[in-house]
Amino acid sequence: MIEAWNRKFKYVIVKKFKALSHDDLIERLPQMITYANKLKLPTLNTLSPFEVLRGMKVDDIGLRIKMEQAKYLRLKQNRAMNCEVVCLTPLN
């Protein structure tokens, strides 16, 4: 499992954060670690390390997906609304 993680780390993280020098690598390391901790990992049942540390379970993901879909639908409906008519109509 460690070898698979190292391979994924090298492939995904290092290619995303191309370090030009050793000092640049040291400077980018905190960003790389944060990015790595947010990756969804199959070995953690598609949870990220941050989610596992916060105690999330796979069932919580379903609820989060439903909430994200509801937010997307709400934003879509808000964008479709004609604000000039709704927002500028005086309330009597």
Protein backbone atom coordinates (compact mmCIF):
# COMPACT_ATOMS: atom_id res chain seq x y z
CA MET A 1 0.00 0.00 0.00
CA ILE A 2 2.86 2.39 0.78
CA GLU A 3 4.42 1.77 -2.64
CA ALA A 4 1.09 2.50 -4.35
CA TRP A 5 0.75 5.74 -2.40
CA ASN A 6 4.30 6.80 -3.25
CA ARG A 7 3.64 6.10 -6.93
CA LYS A 8 0.40 8.12 -6.81
CA PHE A 9 2.14 10.92 -4.92
CA LYS A 10 4.91 11.13 -7.50
CA TYR A 11 2.57 10.95 -10.45
CA VAL A 12 -0.19 13.30 -9.34
CA ILE A 13 1.43 15.67 -6.89
CA VAL A 14 4.89 16.19 -8.35
CA LYS A 15 3.55 16.68 -11.89
CA LYS A 16 1.00 19.20 -10.64
CA PHE A 17 3.54 21.16 -8.59
CA LYS A 18 6.57 21.31 -10.86
CA ALA A 19 9.43 22.41 -8.65
CA LEU A 20 12.23 24.25 -10.41
CA SER A 21 14.81 23.85 -7.68
CA HIS A 22 15.31 22.37 -4.23
CA ASP A 23 14.33 25.66 -2.57
CA ASP A 24 11.23 25.87 -4.75
CA LEU A 25 10.32 22.33 -3.71
CA ILE A 26 10.69 23.23 -0.03
CA GLU A 27 8.51 26.31 -0.59
CA ARG A 28 5.77 24.33 -2.36
CA LEU A 29 5.80 21.39 0.06
CA PRO A 30 2.95 22.69 2.30
CA GLN A 31 0.72 23.15 -0.77
CA MET A 32 1.63 19.66 -1.97
CA ILE A 33 0.76 18.11 1.40
CA THR A 34 -2.58 19.95 1.58
CA TYR A 35 -3.41 18.84 -1.96
CA ALA A 36 -2.44 15.24 -1.16
CA ASN A 37 -4.61 15.20 1.96
CA LYS A 38 -7.64 16.26 -0.10
CA LEU A 39 -7.26 13.47 -2.68
CA LYS A 40 -10.01 10.84 -2.70
CA LEU A 41 -8.34 7.47 -2.17
CA PRO A 42 -9.80 4.06 -3.05
CA THR A 43 -7.99 2.50 -0.09
CA LEU A 44 -10.02 4.82 2.18
CA ASN A 45 -13.31 3.97 0.42
CA THR A 46 -13.07 7.14 -1.72
CA LEU A 47 -12.60 9.36 1.32
CA SER A 48 -9.77 11.83 1.58
CA PRO A 49 -7.31 11.66 4.50
CA PHE A 50 -8.81 14.94 5.83
CA GLU A 51 -12.30 13.36 5.83
CA VAL A 52 -11.05 10.23 7.60
CA LEU A 53 -9.31 12.30 10.28
CA ARG A 54 -12.57 14.22 10.86
CA GLY A 55 -14.38 10.91 11.38
CA MET A 56 -16.46 10.89 8.19
CA LYS A 57 -17.91 7.65 6.97
CA VAL A 58 -18.84 6.56 3.45
CA ASP A 59 -22.54 7.11 4.30
CA ASP A 60 -21.78 10.79 4.97
CA ILE A 61 -20.59 11.12 1.38
CA GLY A 62 -24.08 10.35 0.05
CA LEU A 63 -25.53 13.15 2.14
CA ARG A 64 -22.79 15.54 1.03
CA ILE A 65 -23.45 14.69 -2.64
CA LYS A 66 -27.18 15.35 -2.17
CA MET A 67 -26.40 18.70 -0.54
CA GLU A 68 -24.05 19.66 -3.39
CA GLN A 69 -26.72 18.71 -5.94
CA ALA A 70 -29.32 20.80 -4.09
CA LYS A 71 -26.91 23.76 -4.01
CA TYR A 72 -26.26 23.40 -7.75
CA LEU A 73 -30.01 23.28 -8.48
CA ARG A 74 -30.65 26.33 -6.28
CA LEU A 75 -27.90 28.31 -8.03
CA LYS A 76 -29.23 27.27 -11.42
CA GLN A 77 -32.72 28.43 -10.47
CA ASN A 78 -31.36 31.72 -9.10
CA ARG A 79 -29.44 32.39 -12.31
CA ALA A 80 -32.53 31.66 -14.41
CA MET A 81 -34.60 34.14 -12.41
CA ASN A 82 -35.12 37.55 -14.00
CA CYS A 83 -33.71 39.75 -11.25
CA GLU A 84 -34.84 42.99 -12.87
CA VAL A 85 -38.46 41.94 -12.47
CA VAL A 86 -38.19 40.23 -9.09
CA CYS A 87 -35.61 42.43 -7.34
CA LEU A 88 -36.75 45.82 -8.58
CA THR A 89 -40.50 45.32 -8.11
CA PRO A 90 -41.60 47.52 -5.19
CA LEU A 91 -43.23 45.78 -2.27
CA ASN A 92 -46.68 47.22 -1.46
